[in-house]
Amino acid sequence: MLINVQYTPYHLSNGTWDDQRETLTRTVLEMLELLAPGIGDLILHQLTLTPLDLERRFSLPEGCIFHGQMSLDQQLFMRPVPGYGSYHTPIHNLYLCGASTHPGGGVTGAPGYNAAHLIIREHAKKR
């Protein structure tokens, strides 16, 4: 089982993630126990990756799996930045896809699907 806690802050008001990792783990498991009583007894192994761990292990700035927050100014045609929301770049035949492009991260594959279909359409026009 994987538990993904969305929007865990990178900057903490007290302490560091190295200090607060166990507190996060305990809090999440206590909440899970409310929804599924007894589940804690079934856990054989656990690994908690904080935003700092995600940054350290996977080079994700501030531990953001979406390569940029999913805020209003990072949606649709403004993702990853205004002017580059259509999967194009200024470099000929270089396209963007992945978590930093519309519609964002997750395991949908939608950014790659969208970029691939754009490339197919554009190259079909040239023939």
N, C-alpha and C. Protein backbone atom coordinates (compact mmCIF):
# COMPACT_ATOMS: atom_id res chain seq x y z
N MET A 1 0.85 -1.16 0.00
CA MET A 1 0.00 0.00 0.00
C MET A 1 0.90 1.23 0.00
N LEU A 2 0.51 2.20 -0.77
CA LEU A 2 1.22 3.48 -0.84
C LEU A 2 0.27 4.57 -0.38
N ILE A 3 0.74 5.40 0.51
CA ILE A 3 -0.04 6.55 0.96
C ILE A 3 0.70 7.80 0.52
N ASN A 4 0.04 8.60 -0.29
CA ASN A 4 0.64 9.85 -0.75
C ASN A 4 -0.09 11.00 -0.07
N VAL A 5 0.62 11.77 0.73
CA VAL A 5 0.03 12.91 1.42
C VAL A 5 0.29 14.14 0.57
N GLN A 6 -0.76 14.63 -0.06
CA GLN A 6 -0.65 15.81 -0.93
C GLN A 6 -0.36 17.07 -0.13
N TYR A 7 0.41 17.92 -0.72
CA TYR A 7 0.64 19.26 -0.22
C TYR A 7 1.25 19.31 1.18
N THR A 8 2.15 18.38 1.45
CA THR A 8 2.92 18.46 2.67
C THR A 8 3.93 19.58 2.47
N PRO A 9 3.98 20.55 3.38
CA PRO A 9 4.85 21.71 3.14
C PRO A 9 6.33 21.34 3.14
N TYR A 10 7.06 22.02 2.31
CA TYR A 10 8.51 21.82 2.27
C TYR A 10 9.16 22.55 3.44
N HIS A 11 8.72 23.78 3.66
CA HIS A 11 9.26 24.60 4.75
C HIS A 11 8.38 24.43 5.98
N LEU A 12 8.97 24.00 7.08
CA LEU A 12 8.22 23.79 8.31
C LEU A 12 8.37 24.99 9.23
N SER A 13 7.34 25.27 10.00
CA SER A 13 7.44 26.40 10.94
C SER A 13 8.28 26.03 12.15
N ASN A 14 8.34 24.73 12.47
CA ASN A 14 9.16 24.28 13.61
C ASN A 14 9.96 23.05 13.21
N GLY A 15 11.26 23.11 13.37
CA GLY A 15 12.10 21.95 13.11
C GLY A 15 12.37 21.72 11.64
N THR A 16 12.96 20.56 11.38
CA THR A 16 13.28 20.16 10.02
C THR A 16 12.57 18.86 9.71
N TRP A 17 12.54 18.48 8.44
CA TRP A 17 11.92 17.21 8.09
C TRP A 17 12.68 16.04 8.68
N ASP A 18 13.98 16.18 8.83
CA ASP A 18 14.74 15.10 9.46
C ASP A 18 14.27 14.89 10.90
N ASP A 19 13.87 15.99 11.56
CA ASP A 19 13.37 15.91 12.94
C ASP A 19 11.91 15.49 12.99
N GLN A 20 11.14 15.83 11.98
CA GLN A 20 9.68 15.65 12.02
C GLN A 20 9.16 14.43 11.25
N ARG A 21 10.05 13.66 10.67
CA ARG A 21 9.64 12.49 9.87
C ARG A 21 8.74 11.54 10.68
N GLU A 22 9.16 11.20 11.88
CA GLU A 22 8.38 10.26 12.70
C GLU A 22 7.03 10.85 13.11
N THR A 23 6.99 12.15 13.33
CA THR A 23 5.72 12.79 13.66
C THR A 23 4.77 12.70 12.48
N LEU A 24 5.27 12.92 11.28
CA LEU A 24 4.44 12.79 10.08
C LEU A 24 3.93 11.35 9.95
N THR A 25 4.81 10.40 10.11
CA THR A 25 4.43 8.99 10.00
C THR A 25 3.34 8.65 11.01
N ARG A 26 3.55 9.03 12.25
CA ARG A 26 2.58 8.74 13.31
C ARG A 26 1.23 9.40 13.02
N THR A 27 1.25 10.66 12.58
CA THR A 27 0.01 11.38 12.29
C THR A 27 -0.76 10.72 11.16
N VAL A 28 -0.08 10.36 10.08
CA VAL A 28 -0.74 9.73 8.94
C VAL A 28 -1.31 8.37 9.35
N LEU A 29 -0.55 7.58 10.09
CA LEU A 29 -1.04 6.26 10.49
C LEU A 29 -2.21 6.37 11.47
N GLU A 30 -2.21 7.38 12.33
CA GLU A 30 -3.35 7.59 13.24
C GLU A 30 -4.61 7.94 12.44
N MET A 31 -4.47 8.76 11.41
CA MET A 31 -5.62 9.10 10.58
C MET A 31 -6.11 7.89 9.80
N LEU A 32 -5.18 7.10 9.29
CA LEU A 32 -5.54 5.90 8.55
C LEU A 32 -6.28 4.91 9.46
N GLU A 33 -5.83 4.82 10.68
CA GLU A 33 -6.46 3.92 11.66
C GLU A 33 -7.91 4.31 11.92
N LEU A 34 -8.21 5.60 11.87
CA LEU A 34 -9.60 6.06 12.04
C LEU A 34 -10.50 5.55 10.91
N LEU A 35 -9.93 5.49 9.71
CA LEU A 35 -10.70 5.04 8.54
C LEU A 35 -10.72 3.53 8.39
N ALA A 36 -9.65 2.89 8.84
CA ALA A 36 -9.54 1.44 8.71
C ALA A 36 -8.99 0.87 10.02
N PRO A 37 -9.86 0.74 11.03
CA PRO A 37 -9.41 0.26 12.35
C PRO A 37 -8.65 -1.07 12.24
N GLY A 38 -7.53 -1.13 12.94
CA GLY A 38 -6.72 -2.35 12.97
C GLY A 38 -5.68 -2.44 11.88
N ILE A 39 -5.68 -1.48 10.95
CA ILE A 39 -4.73 -1.58 9.83
C ILE A 39 -3.28 -1.43 10.29
N GLY A 40 -3.09 -0.68 11.36
CA GLY A 40 -1.73 -0.50 11.87
C GLY A 40 -1.07 -1.82 12.26
N ASP A 41 -1.87 -2.77 12.73
CA ASP A 41 -1.34 -4.08 13.12
C ASP A 41 -0.88 -4.90 11.92
N LEU A 42 -1.30 -4.52 10.72
CA LEU A 42 -0.96 -5.27 9.52
C LEU A 42 0.30 -4.75 8.83
N ILE A 43 0.82 -3.63 9.29
CA ILE A 43 1.99 -3.03 8.65
C ILE A 43 3.24 -3.79 9.06
N LEU A 44 3.92 -4.33 8.07
CA LEU A 44 5.15 -5.08 8.31
C LEU A 44 6.39 -4.22 8.12
N HIS A 45 6.29 -3.23 7.24
CA HIS A 45 7.42 -2.36 6.93
C HIS A 45 6.86 -1.02 6.49
N GLN A 46 7.58 0.01 6.80
CA GLN A 46 7.15 1.34 6.35
C GLN A 46 8.36 2.19 6.00
N LEU A 47 8.15 3.08 5.08
CA LEU A 47 9.16 4.04 4.67
C LEU A 47 8.46 5.36 4.47
N THR A 48 8.91 6.36 5.15
CA THR A 48 8.33 7.69 5.01
C THR A 48 9.31 8.58 4.26
N LEU A 49 8.85 9.10 3.14
CA LEU A 49 9.65 10.04 2.36
C LEU A 49 9.01 11.42 2.50
N THR A 50 9.74 12.31 3.11
CA THR A 50 9.27 13.68 3.29
C THR A 50 9.59 14.48 2.02
N PRO A 51 9.05 15.69 1.91
CA PRO A 51 9.43 16.50 0.75
C PRO A 51 10.95 16.66 0.62
N LEU A 52 11.64 16.78 1.74
CA LEU A 52 13.10 16.90 1.69
C LEU A 52 13.74 15.62 1.16
N ASP A 53 13.20 14.46 1.55
CA ASP A 53 13.72 13.19 1.03
C ASP A 53 13.51 13.09 -0.48
N LEU A 54 12.33 13.51 -0.95
CA LEU A 54 12.05 13.47 -2.39
C LEU A 54 13.01 14.37 -3.15
N GLU A 55 13.34 15.50 -2.57
CA GLU A 55 14.31 16.40 -3.21
C GLU A 55 15.69 15.75 -3.23
N ARG A 56 16.10 15.19 -2.13
CA ARG A 56 17.42 14.57 -2.04
C ARG A 56 17.56 13.35 -2.95
N ARG A 57 16.58 12.46 -2.93
CA ARG A 57 16.66 11.19 -3.68
C ARG A 57 16.42 11.34 -5.18
N PHE A 58 15.45 12.18 -5.52
CA PHE A 58 15.00 12.22 -6.91
C PHE A 58 15.18 13.57 -7.58
N SER A 59 15.87 14.49 -6.90
CA SER A 59 16.12 15.84 -7.43
C SER A 59 14.83 16.59 -7.78
N LEU A 60 13.80 16.38 -6.98
CA LEU A 60 12.53 17.08 -7.17
C LEU A 60 12.58 18.36 -6.34
N PRO A 61 12.64 19.52 -6.97
CA PRO A 61 12.72 20.77 -6.20
C PRO A 61 11.60 20.87 -5.16
N GLU A 62 11.99 21.07 -3.93
CA GLU A 62 11.09 21.16 -2.78
C GLU A 62 10.19 19.93 -2.65
N GLY A 63 10.64 18.81 -3.22
CA GLY A 63 9.91 17.56 -3.08
C GLY A 63 8.61 17.49 -3.85
N CYS A 64 8.47 18.34 -4.85
CA CYS A 64 7.22 18.41 -5.61
C CYS A 64 7.23 17.39 -6.74
N ILE A 65 6.37 16.37 -6.64
CA ILE A 65 6.32 15.33 -7.67
C ILE A 65 5.73 15.84 -8.98
N PHE A 66 5.12 17.02 -8.94
CA PHE A 66 4.51 17.57 -10.14
C PHE A 66 5.44 18.52 -10.89
N HIS A 67 6.68 18.67 -10.43
CA HIS A 67 7.67 19.54 -11.08
C HIS A 67 7.14 20.96 -11.19
N GLY A 68 6.49 21.42 -10.19
CA GLY A 68 5.84 22.73 -10.15
C GLY A 68 4.48 22.55 -9.52
N GLN A 69 4.15 23.40 -8.60
CA GLN A 69 2.89 23.24 -7.88
C GLN A 69 1.69 23.31 -8.81
N MET A 70 0.66 22.61 -8.46
CA MET A 70 -0.57 22.58 -9.27
C MET A 70 -1.48 23.74 -8.85
N SER A 71 -0.94 24.94 -8.85
CA SER A 71 -1.70 26.12 -8.48
C SER A 71 -2.35 26.73 -9.73
N LEU A 72 -3.23 27.69 -9.52
CA LEU A 72 -3.96 28.27 -10.65
C LEU A 72 -3.05 28.86 -11.72
N ASP A 73 -1.92 29.44 -11.29
CA ASP A 73 -1.01 30.04 -12.27
C ASP A 73 -0.13 29.00 -12.96
N GLN A 74 -0.37 27.72 -12.68
CA GLN A 74 0.40 26.63 -13.30
C GLN A 74 -0.52 25.63 -13.98
N GLN A 75 -1.66 26.09 -14.49
CA GLN A 75 -2.62 25.20 -15.12
C GLN A 75 -2.77 25.48 -16.61
N LEU A 76 -3.28 24.49 -17.32
CA LEU A 76 -3.63 24.60 -18.73
C LEU A 76 -2.49 25.19 -19.55
N PHE A 77 -2.75 26.29 -20.24
CA PHE A 77 -1.77 26.88 -21.15
C PHE A 77 -0.62 27.55 -20.41
N MET A 78 -0.69 27.65 -19.10
CA MET A 78 0.38 28.30 -18.33
C MET A 78 1.33 27.28 -17.69
N ARG A 79 1.19 26.02 -18.05
CA ARG A 79 2.03 24.99 -17.47
C ARG A 79 3.01 24.49 -18.51
N PRO A 80 4.30 24.51 -18.34
CA PRO A 80 5.01 24.81 -17.11
C PRO A 80 5.15 26.30 -16.83
N VAL A 81 5.17 27.13 -17.86
CA VAL A 81 5.20 28.59 -17.70
C VAL A 81 4.39 29.19 -18.85
N PRO A 82 3.86 30.39 -18.66
CA PRO A 82 3.11 31.02 -19.76
C PRO A 82 3.92 31.05 -21.05
N GLY A 83 3.28 30.67 -22.14
CA GLY A 83 3.94 30.66 -23.44
C GLY A 83 4.47 29.31 -23.86
N TYR A 84 4.50 28.35 -22.93
CA TYR A 84 5.03 27.02 -23.25
C TYR A 84 4.05 25.92 -22.88
N GLY A 85 2.77 26.24 -22.84
CA GLY A 85 1.76 25.28 -22.43
C GLY A 85 1.27 24.37 -23.55
N SER A 86 1.83 24.49 -24.74
CA SER A 86 1.36 23.67 -25.86
C SER A 86 2.33 22.54 -26.22
N TYR A 87 3.25 22.23 -25.31
CA TYR A 87 4.24 21.17 -25.49
C TYR A 87 5.38 21.56 -26.43
N HIS A 88 5.31 22.74 -27.04
CA HIS A 88 6.38 23.23 -27.93
C HIS A 88 7.49 23.91 -27.14
N THR A 89 8.65 23.96 -27.73
CA THR A 89 9.75 24.76 -27.20
C THR A 89 10.30 25.59 -28.36
N PRO A 90 11.15 26.56 -28.06
CA PRO A 90 11.75 27.33 -29.15
C PRO A 90 12.73 26.52 -30.00
N ILE A 91 13.11 25.34 -29.53
CA ILE A 91 14.06 24.50 -30.25
C ILE A 91 13.28 23.58 -31.19
N HIS A 92 13.61 23.62 -32.47
CA HIS A 92 12.92 22.84 -33.49
C HIS A 92 12.90 21.36 -33.12
N ASN A 93 11.71 20.76 -33.15
CA ASN A 93 11.49 19.34 -32.89
C ASN A 93 11.80 18.90 -31.45
N LEU A 94 11.86 19.85 -30.53
CA LEU A 94 11.99 19.51 -29.11
C LEU A 94 10.67 19.85 -28.44
N TYR A 95 10.06 18.86 -27.85
CA TYR A 95 8.74 19.01 -27.23
C TYR A 95 8.85 18.71 -25.74
N LEU A 96 7.93 19.28 -24.98
CA LEU A 96 7.87 19.04 -23.55
C LEU A 96 6.79 18.02 -23.23
N CYS A 97 7.05 17.18 -22.26
CA CYS A 97 6.01 16.31 -21.71
C CYS A 97 6.47 15.92 -20.31
N GLY A 98 5.61 15.33 -19.56
CA GLY A 98 5.93 14.92 -18.20
C GLY A 98 5.15 15.71 -17.17
N ALA A 99 5.50 15.51 -15.92
CA ALA A 99 4.74 16.08 -14.81
C ALA A 99 4.67 17.60 -14.83
N SER A 100 5.65 18.24 -15.45
CA SER A 100 5.66 19.71 -15.45
C SER A 100 4.76 20.31 -16.52
N THR A 101 4.18 19.48 -17.39
CA THR A 101 3.32 20.00 -18.44
C THR A 101 1.85 19.65 -18.15
N HIS A 102 0.96 20.28 -18.90
CA HIS A 102 -0.47 20.04 -18.71
C HIS A 102 -0.81 18.59 -19.03
N PRO A 103 -1.63 17.92 -18.30
CA PRO A 103 -2.40 18.34 -17.14
C PRO A 103 -1.71 18.14 -15.81
N GLY A 104 -0.44 17.84 -15.80
CA GLY A 104 0.30 17.73 -14.55
C GLY A 104 0.72 16.32 -14.24
N GLY A 105 1.22 16.16 -13.03
CA GLY A 105 1.78 14.89 -12.61
C GLY A 105 0.73 13.84 -12.27
N GLY A 106 1.21 12.77 -11.75
CA GLY A 106 0.36 11.62 -11.47
C GLY A 106 0.77 10.51 -12.41
N VAL A 107 0.03 9.44 -12.41
CA VAL A 107 0.38 8.30 -13.22
C VAL A 107 -0.60 8.15 -14.38
N THR A 108 -1.04 9.26 -14.91
CA THR A 108 -2.02 9.22 -15.99
C THR A 108 -1.37 9.01 -17.34
N GLY A 109 -0.16 9.49 -17.50
CA GLY A 109 0.49 9.44 -18.80
C GLY A 109 -0.05 10.48 -19.76
N ALA A 110 -0.99 11.30 -19.30
CA ALA A 110 -1.65 12.27 -20.18
C ALA A 110 -0.69 13.28 -20.81
N PRO A 111 0.28 13.83 -20.08
CA PRO A 111 1.18 14.78 -20.74
C PRO A 111 1.94 14.16 -21.92
N GLY A 112 2.44 12.95 -21.75
CA GLY A 112 3.14 12.27 -22.84
C GLY A 112 2.21 11.92 -23.99
N TYR A 113 1.02 11.47 -23.66
CA TYR A 113 0.01 11.16 -24.68
C TYR A 113 -0.31 12.40 -25.50
N ASN A 114 -0.56 13.51 -24.81
CA ASN A 114 -0.89 14.76 -25.50
C ASN A 114 0.25 15.23 -26.39
N ALA A 115 1.47 15.20 -25.85
CA ALA A 115 2.63 15.64 -26.63
C ALA A 115 2.85 14.73 -27.84
N ALA A 116 2.72 13.42 -27.64
CA ALA A 116 2.91 12.48 -28.75
C ALA A 116 1.90 12.71 -29.86
N HIS A 117 0.66 12.95 -29.50
CA HIS A 117 -0.36 13.20 -30.53
C HIS A 117 -0.12 14.52 -31.25
N LEU A 118 0.38 15.51 -30.55
CA LEU A 118 0.74 16.78 -31.20
C LEU A 118 1.85 16.54 -32.22
N ILE A 119 2.86 15.79 -31.83
CA ILE A 119 3.98 15.49 -32.73
C ILE A 119 3.49 14.73 -33.96
N ILE A 120 2.65 13.74 -33.76
CA ILE A 120 2.11 12.96 -34.88
C ILE A 120 1.35 13.88 -35.83
N ARG A 121 0.49 14.73 -35.30
CA ARG A 121 -0.30 15.65 -36.15
C ARG A 121 0.62 16.59 -36.93
N GLU A 122 1.60 17.15 -36.25
CA GLU A 122 2.50 18.10 -36.91
C GLU A 122 3.33 17.44 -37.99
N HIS A 123 3.82 16.27 -37.73
CA HIS A 123 4.67 15.59 -38.72
C HIS A 123 3.84 15.00 -39.87
N ALA A 124 2.58 14.70 -39.61
CA ALA A 124 1.70 14.21 -40.67
C ALA A 124 1.40 15.35 -41.65
N LYS A 125 1.32 16.56 -41.18
CA LYS A 125 1.07 17.73 -42.04
C LYS A 125 2.23 17.99 -43.00
N LYS A 126 3.44 17.64 -42.58
CA LYS A 126 4.63 17.91 -43.39
C LYS A 126 4.79 16.94 -44.55
N ARG A 127 4.05 15.86 -44.52
CA ARG A 127 4.20 14.83 -45.57
C ARG A 127 3.38 15.13 -46.77
